[in-house]
Amino acid sequence: MQTPHPTFALTDSCRKALACALAAALVSLAALTGCSAPAEAPDAASSSASVAEAPEMIVTMAVTSPGADGQVAYSGELALPAGATALEALQATGLVVTSADSEYGAFVEAVEGLANEGMKGWTYTVNGEQVQASADKTELAPGDAVEWSYIEM
C-alpha cells in the first residue's frame, strides 16, 4: 500500500503574506533589470554601430523588362541599411529573386520567374552606369538610382 502524499492548506493570512512577498520580489527584479527611463542614445561619433543598428539610406529602384514585353516591373524608393548592395536592393523590392553564387559573386538568374535565356537576361546599372561587378559586391550609397533590366543582348 502506498503512503498518501500530504497536502498543504494555506490560511488566508499565509496567502496574503505569500502574495506580498511575490510582489516585493517582482518589484526588486524590475529595479535590478533597469525598468527606468530609457538612456539617451550614444553619440554616433563615439560608438561604432553594428549592421543591425546601421542608419537607413534611401535609394531609387526600378525593375524593367523590355526584353520580355514589360512582364516584370517595379518602381519606387527603398529604405535600406547603410552599406546595402545592389542585390539586397533588388531583394528588398519584394519581387521573387533567384540567384546563384559563382566565382565572381552572386549572379541573378531570374526575377519573378523571368529567367535568363539565350541572349536575354538580367543586368543592372547604378546612377545610369553599367557596373562591372557582381550585384552582391556593389555597395550602394544614399540617393543612388539602381535599375535592373531584363534585356536582349
Protein backbone atom coordinates (compact mmCIF):
# COMPACT_ATOMS: atom_id res chain seq x y z
CA MET A 1 0.00 0.00 0.00
CA GLN A 2 1.29 3.44 -0.94
CA THR A 3 1.62 6.19 1.58
CA PRO A 4 -0.59 9.14 0.64
CA HIS A 5 1.17 12.46 -0.07
CA PRO A 6 0.44 15.12 2.49
CA THR A 7 -1.47 18.16 1.26
CA PHE A 8 -0.77 21.66 2.41
CA ALA A 9 -3.54 24.04 3.21
CA LEU A 10 -2.72 27.75 3.29
CA THR A 11 -4.61 30.03 5.53
CA ASP A 12 -5.84 33.40 4.24
CA SER A 13 -3.09 35.19 6.16
CA CYS A 14 -0.44 32.87 4.63
CA ARG A 15 -1.82 33.50 1.12
CA LYS A 16 -1.68 37.27 1.68
CA ALA A 17 1.89 37.07 3.01
CA LEU A 18 2.94 34.93 0.04
CA ALA A 19 1.32 37.37 -2.41
CA CYS A 20 3.10 40.31 -0.74
CA ALA A 21 6.44 38.51 -0.86
CA LEU A 22 5.93 37.66 -4.53
CA ALA A 23 5.01 41.27 -5.36
CA ALA A 24 8.09 42.55 -3.50
CA ALA A 25 10.30 40.10 -5.40
CA LEU A 26 8.88 41.27 -8.75
CA VAL A 27 9.43 44.93 -7.86
CA SER A 28 13.03 44.15 -6.83
CA LEU A 29 13.62 42.23 -10.06
CA ALA A 30 12.25 45.12 -12.13
CA ALA A 31 14.57 47.55 -10.35
CA LEU A 32 17.57 45.30 -10.91
CA THR A 33 16.87 44.83 -14.62
CA GLY A 34 16.60 48.54 -15.28
CA CYS A 35 12.93 49.35 -15.56
CA SER A 36 13.60 53.06 -15.61
CA ALA A 37 13.62 55.90 -18.10
CA PRO A 38 15.45 54.96 -21.32
CA ALA A 39 19.02 56.11 -21.59
CA GLU A 40 19.95 58.67 -24.21
CA ALA A 41 21.29 57.32 -27.48
CA PRO A 42 25.09 57.26 -27.63
CA ASP A 43 26.86 59.86 -29.74
CA ALA A 44 27.41 58.41 -33.24
CA ALA A 45 30.98 59.66 -33.23
CA SER A 46 31.82 57.83 -30.02
CA SER A 47 30.46 54.39 -30.91
CA SER A 48 30.56 52.07 -33.85
CA ALA A 49 27.11 50.88 -34.89
CA SER A 50 26.54 47.28 -35.86
CA VAL A 51 24.90 46.37 -39.17
CA ALA A 52 21.57 45.81 -37.37
CA GLU A 53 21.79 49.36 -35.99
CA ALA A 54 23.06 50.90 -39.24
CA PRO A 55 21.22 54.04 -40.27
CA GLU A 56 18.92 53.75 -43.21
CA MET A 57 19.55 55.23 -46.62
CA ILE A 58 17.08 55.86 -49.42
CA VAL A 59 17.74 54.61 -52.95
CA THR A 60 15.56 54.78 -56.04
CA MET A 61 14.87 51.39 -57.61
CA ALA A 62 13.45 50.45 -60.98
CA VAL A 63 12.99 46.97 -62.41
CA THR A 64 12.04 46.80 -66.09
CA SER A 65 11.79 44.01 -68.62
CA PRO A 66 11.71 45.43 -72.15
CA GLY A 67 13.17 42.15 -73.42
CA ALA A 68 10.00 40.39 -72.18
CA ASP A 69 7.32 42.93 -73.12
CA GLY A 70 7.28 44.54 -69.69
CA GLN A 71 6.36 41.30 -67.92
CA VAL A 72 8.16 42.29 -64.67
CA ALA A 73 8.15 45.85 -63.37
CA TYR A 74 8.81 47.74 -60.15
CA SER A 75 9.44 51.39 -59.40
CA GLY A 76 9.88 53.15 -56.10
CA GLU A 77 12.13 54.29 -53.30
CA LEU A 78 13.59 51.83 -50.83
CA ALA A 79 14.88 52.39 -47.30
CA LEU A 80 17.91 50.14 -46.89
CA PRO A 81 20.57 49.75 -44.22
CA ALA A 82 23.77 51.66 -44.89
CA GLY A 83 26.14 49.51 -46.92
CA ALA A 84 23.38 47.54 -48.68
CA THR A 85 24.28 46.05 -52.05
CA ALA A 86 22.56 46.18 -55.43
CA LEU A 87 21.43 42.58 -54.91
CA GLU A 88 19.97 43.38 -51.47
CA ALA A 89 18.13 46.34 -53.02
CA LEU A 90 16.61 44.05 -55.67
CA GLN A 91 15.56 41.58 -52.99
CA ALA A 92 14.07 44.41 -50.90
CA THR A 93 11.54 45.16 -53.67
CA GLY A 94 9.57 42.09 -52.62
CA LEU A 95 9.97 40.55 -56.06
CA VAL A 96 10.99 36.87 -56.09
CA VAL A 97 14.70 36.82 -56.96
CA THR A 98 16.66 33.68 -57.85
CA SER A 99 20.44 33.98 -57.73
CA ALA A 100 23.40 31.63 -57.71
CA ASP A 101 26.93 32.02 -56.45
CA SER A 102 29.75 32.00 -58.95
CA GLU A 103 33.48 32.54 -58.70
CA TYR A 104 32.80 36.25 -59.37
CA GLY A 105 29.96 36.64 -56.86
CA ALA A 106 26.18 36.30 -56.93
CA PHE A 107 24.57 36.04 -60.36
CA VAL A 108 20.87 36.90 -60.77
CA GLU A 109 19.25 34.06 -62.70
CA ALA A 110 15.57 35.13 -62.56
CA VAL A 111 13.21 37.76 -61.19
CA GLU A 112 9.55 36.80 -60.69
CA GLY A 113 10.22 33.64 -62.68
CA LEU A 114 11.54 35.58 -65.70
CA ALA A 115 14.82 33.72 -66.21
CA ASN A 116 17.91 34.40 -68.26
CA GLU A 117 17.57 32.55 -71.55
CA GLY A 118 19.77 32.56 -74.65
CA MET A 119 20.70 36.17 -75.38
CA LYS A 120 18.16 37.60 -72.91
CA GLY A 121 18.96 38.25 -69.29
CA TRP A 122 19.14 40.48 -66.25
CA THR A 123 21.61 43.34 -65.96
CA TYR A 124 21.80 46.42 -63.75
CA THR A 125 23.07 49.99 -63.63
CA VAL A 126 23.78 52.34 -60.75
CA ASN A 127 23.21 56.02 -61.46
CA GLY A 128 22.89 55.22 -65.18
CA GLU A 129 26.25 53.46 -65.45
CA GLN A 130 26.75 49.76 -66.18
CA VAL A 131 28.54 48.12 -63.25
CA GLN A 132 31.31 45.62 -63.90
CA ALA A 133 30.98 43.79 -60.57
CA SER A 134 28.52 41.24 -59.23
CA ALA A 135 25.48 42.74 -57.53
CA ASP A 136 26.36 41.30 -54.12
CA LYS A 137 29.68 43.19 -54.22
CA THR A 138 28.29 46.56 -55.39
CA GLU A 139 27.67 48.69 -52.30
CA LEU A 140 25.11 51.46 -52.70
CA ALA A 141 25.21 55.00 -51.32
CA PRO A 142 22.33 57.22 -50.19
CA GLY A 143 20.48 58.69 -53.17
CA ASP A 144 21.72 56.11 -55.69
CA ALA A 145 19.41 55.17 -58.54
CA VAL A 146 19.50 51.45 -59.34
CA GLU A 147 17.87 49.95 -62.42
CA TRP A 148 17.58 46.23 -63.08
CA SER A 149 16.60 45.40 -66.66
CA TYR A 150 15.78 42.21 -68.50
CA ILE A 151 17.17 42.88 -71.95
CA GLU A 152 18.03 41.19 -75.19
CA MET A 153 21.79 41.41 -75.62
